[in-house]
Amino acid sequence: MMKFIWSEYIRHRAESRKFDLGKIEEILRYSAERYFDTETDRLVAVGRHDERLIMIPYEAYGDTVRAVTVHAVTRQQINFRIKTGRFSNG
């Protein structure tokens, strides 16, 4: 079973951007859209939070997942990062 670590920073970012941690956890658990960010060396999960598309950079160690931050993103931004090689399928 996966264990999620929520730092004060991610809690603050989620609250200030009006994101629900439960929905963020659901995206981290079940999103089929995932990338490796070659600039930060982190994994990224993408999913829908109500009407917003969000991106969650995270680190995974065994069965522990630590979300780094969360923010709204556009499909165009994701496609650009794929095209430039910043995101690779991972």
C-alpha atoms as a PDB file:
ATOM      1  CA  MET A   1       0.000   0.000   0.000  1.00  0.00           C
ATOM      2  CA  MET A   2       1.332   3.420  -0.962  1.00  0.00           C
ATOM      3  CA  LYS A   3       2.126   5.913   1.761  1.00  0.00           C
ATOM      4  CA  PHE A   4       1.869   9.637   0.955  1.00  0.00           C
ATOM      5  CA  ILE A   5       3.972  12.302   2.619  1.00  0.00           C
ATOM      6  CA  TRP A   6       2.452  15.795   2.674  1.00  0.00           C
ATOM      7  CA  SER A   7       4.975  18.474   3.620  1.00  0.00           C
ATOM      8  CA  GLU A   8       3.873  21.835   4.982  1.00  0.00           C
ATOM      9  CA  TYR A   9       4.893  23.303   1.622  1.00  0.00           C
ATOM     10  CA  ILE A  10       2.596  21.056  -0.458  1.00  0.00           C
ATOM     11  CA  ARG A  11      -0.222  21.618   2.025  1.00  0.00           C
ATOM     12  CA  HIS A  12       0.243  25.375   1.679  1.00  0.00           C
ATOM     13  CA  ARG A  13       0.425  25.240  -2.139  1.00  0.00           C
ATOM     14  CA  ALA A  14      -2.669  23.054  -2.350  1.00  0.00           C
ATOM     15  CA  GLU A  15      -4.641  25.305  -0.008  1.00  0.00           C
ATOM     16  CA  SER A  16      -3.568  28.551  -1.691  1.00  0.00           C
ATOM     17  CA  ARG A  17      -4.450  27.141  -5.127  1.00  0.00           C
ATOM     18  CA  LYS A  18      -7.709  25.595  -3.883  1.00  0.00           C
ATOM     19  CA  PHE A  19      -6.706  21.980  -4.537  1.00  0.00           C
ATOM     20  CA  ASP A  20      -7.993  19.096  -2.430  1.00  0.00           C
ATOM     21  CA  LEU A  21      -5.265  16.753  -1.108  1.00  0.00           C
ATOM     22  CA  GLY A  22      -7.615  13.791  -1.563  1.00  0.00           C
ATOM     23  CA  LYS A  23      -7.931  14.520  -5.279  1.00  0.00           C
ATOM     24  CA  ILE A  24      -4.178  15.039  -5.546  1.00  0.00           C
ATOM     25  CA  GLU A  25      -3.629  11.638  -3.925  1.00  0.00           C
ATOM     26  CA  GLU A  26      -6.098  10.063  -6.354  1.00  0.00           C
ATOM     27  CA  ILE A  27      -4.194  11.516  -9.320  1.00  0.00           C
ATOM     28  CA  LEU A  28      -0.874  10.318  -7.885  1.00  0.00           C
ATOM     29  CA  ARG A  29      -2.317   6.828  -7.381  1.00  0.00           C
ATOM     30  CA  TYR A  30      -4.228   6.326 -10.613  1.00  0.00           C
ATOM     31  CA  SER A  31      -3.121   8.755 -13.328  1.00  0.00           C
ATOM     32  CA  ALA A  32      -2.160   7.058 -16.567  1.00  0.00           C
ATOM     33  CA  GLU A  33      -0.403  10.231 -17.742  1.00  0.00           C
ATOM     34  CA  ARG A  34       3.069  10.318 -16.201  1.00  0.00           C
ATOM     35  CA  TYR A  35       6.375  11.791 -17.278  1.00  0.00           C
ATOM     36  CA  PHE A  36       9.955  12.073 -16.165  1.00  0.00           C
ATOM     37  CA  ASP A  37      11.100  15.703 -15.940  1.00  0.00           C
ATOM     38  CA  THR A  38      14.676  15.705 -17.242  1.00  0.00           C
ATOM     39  CA  GLU A  39      15.316  19.187 -15.821  1.00  0.00           C
ATOM     40  CA  THR A  40      14.411  18.371 -12.211  1.00  0.00           C
ATOM     41  CA  ASP A  41      14.964  14.577 -12.280  1.00  0.00           C
ATOM     42  CA  ARG A  42      11.484  14.103 -10.816  1.00  0.00           C
ATOM     43  CA  LEU A  43       8.455  12.135 -11.832  1.00  0.00           C
ATOM     44  CA  VAL A  44       5.331  14.068 -12.821  1.00  0.00           C
ATOM     45  CA  ALA A  45       1.697  12.959 -12.683  1.00  0.00           C
ATOM     46  CA  VAL A  46      -0.934  14.840 -14.681  1.00  0.00           C
ATOM     47  CA  GLY A  47      -4.670  14.720 -14.107  1.00  0.00           C
ATOM     48  CA  ARG A  48      -7.925  16.615 -13.766  1.00  0.00           C
ATOM     49  CA  HIS A  49      -8.889  18.423 -10.588  1.00  0.00           C
ATOM     50  CA  ASP A  50     -12.483  19.402 -11.317  1.00  0.00           C
ATOM     51  CA  GLU A  51     -12.179  21.486 -14.511  1.00  0.00           C
ATOM     52  CA  ARG A  52      -8.472  22.221 -14.133  1.00  0.00           C
ATOM     53  CA  LEU A  53      -5.634  20.171 -15.538  1.00  0.00           C
ATOM     54  CA  ILE A  54      -2.933  19.879 -12.885  1.00  0.00           C
ATOM     55  CA  MET A  55       0.641  18.687 -12.765  1.00  0.00           C
ATOM     56  CA  ILE A  56       2.158  17.138  -9.640  1.00  0.00           C
ATOM     57  CA  PRO A  57       5.931  16.686  -9.513  1.00  0.00           C
ATOM     58  CA  TYR A  58       6.748  13.936  -7.013  1.00  0.00           C
ATOM     59  CA  GLU A  59       9.426  11.620  -5.712  1.00  0.00           C
ATOM     60  CA  ALA A  60       8.846   7.924  -5.082  1.00  0.00           C
ATOM     61  CA  TYR A  61      10.908   5.706  -2.783  1.00  0.00           C
ATOM     62  CA  GLY A  62       9.613   2.145  -2.645  1.00  0.00           C
ATOM     63  CA  ASP A  63       6.009   2.447  -1.488  1.00  0.00           C
ATOM     64  CA  THR A  64       6.405   6.056  -0.281  1.00  0.00           C
ATOM     65  CA  VAL A  65       5.368   9.010  -2.438  1.00  0.00           C
ATOM     66  CA  ARG A  66       6.283  12.615  -1.632  1.00  0.00           C
ATOM     67  CA  ALA A  67       4.513  15.265  -3.695  1.00  0.00           C
ATOM     68  CA  VAL A  68       6.785  18.262  -4.276  1.00  0.00           C
ATOM     69  CA  THR A  69       4.245  20.844  -5.463  1.00  0.00           C
ATOM     70  CA  VAL A  70       1.073  21.144  -7.494  1.00  0.00           C
ATOM     71  CA  HIS A  71      -0.060  23.640 -10.082  1.00  0.00           C
ATOM     72  CA  ALA A  72      -2.514  24.136 -12.909  1.00  0.00           C
ATOM     73  CA  VAL A  73      -1.104  23.567 -16.370  1.00  0.00           C
ATOM     74  CA  THR A  74      -2.354  23.655 -19.957  1.00  0.00           C
ATOM     75  CA  ARG A  75      -2.168  20.859 -22.491  1.00  0.00           C
ATOM     76  CA  GLN A  76      -0.052  23.215 -24.623  1.00  0.00           C
ATOM     77  CA  GLN A  77       2.533  23.544 -21.821  1.00  0.00           C
ATOM     78  CA  ILE A  78       2.750  19.771 -21.437  1.00  0.00           C
ATOM     79  CA  ASN A  79       3.059  19.220 -25.192  1.00  0.00           C
ATOM     80  CA  PHE A  80       5.815  21.853 -25.379  1.00  0.00           C
ATOM     81  CA  ARG A  81       7.769  20.111 -22.616  1.00  0.00           C
ATOM     82  CA  ILE A  82       7.430  16.796 -24.454  1.00  0.00           C
ATOM     83  CA  LYS A  83       8.471  18.364 -27.775  1.00  0.00           C
ATOM     84  CA  THR A  84      11.554  20.043 -26.284  1.00  0.00           C
ATOM     85  CA  GLY A  85      12.604  16.859 -24.494  1.00  0.00           C
ATOM     86  CA  ARG A  86      12.071  18.175 -20.982  1.00  0.00           C
ATOM     87  CA  PHE A  87       9.382  15.535 -20.375  1.00  0.00           C
ATOM     88  CA  SER A  88       9.930  11.936 -21.371  1.00  0.00           C
ATOM     89  CA  ASN A  89       7.446   9.130 -20.914  1.00  0.00           C
ATOM     90  CA  GLY A  90       8.272   7.555 -17.644  1.00  0.00           C
END
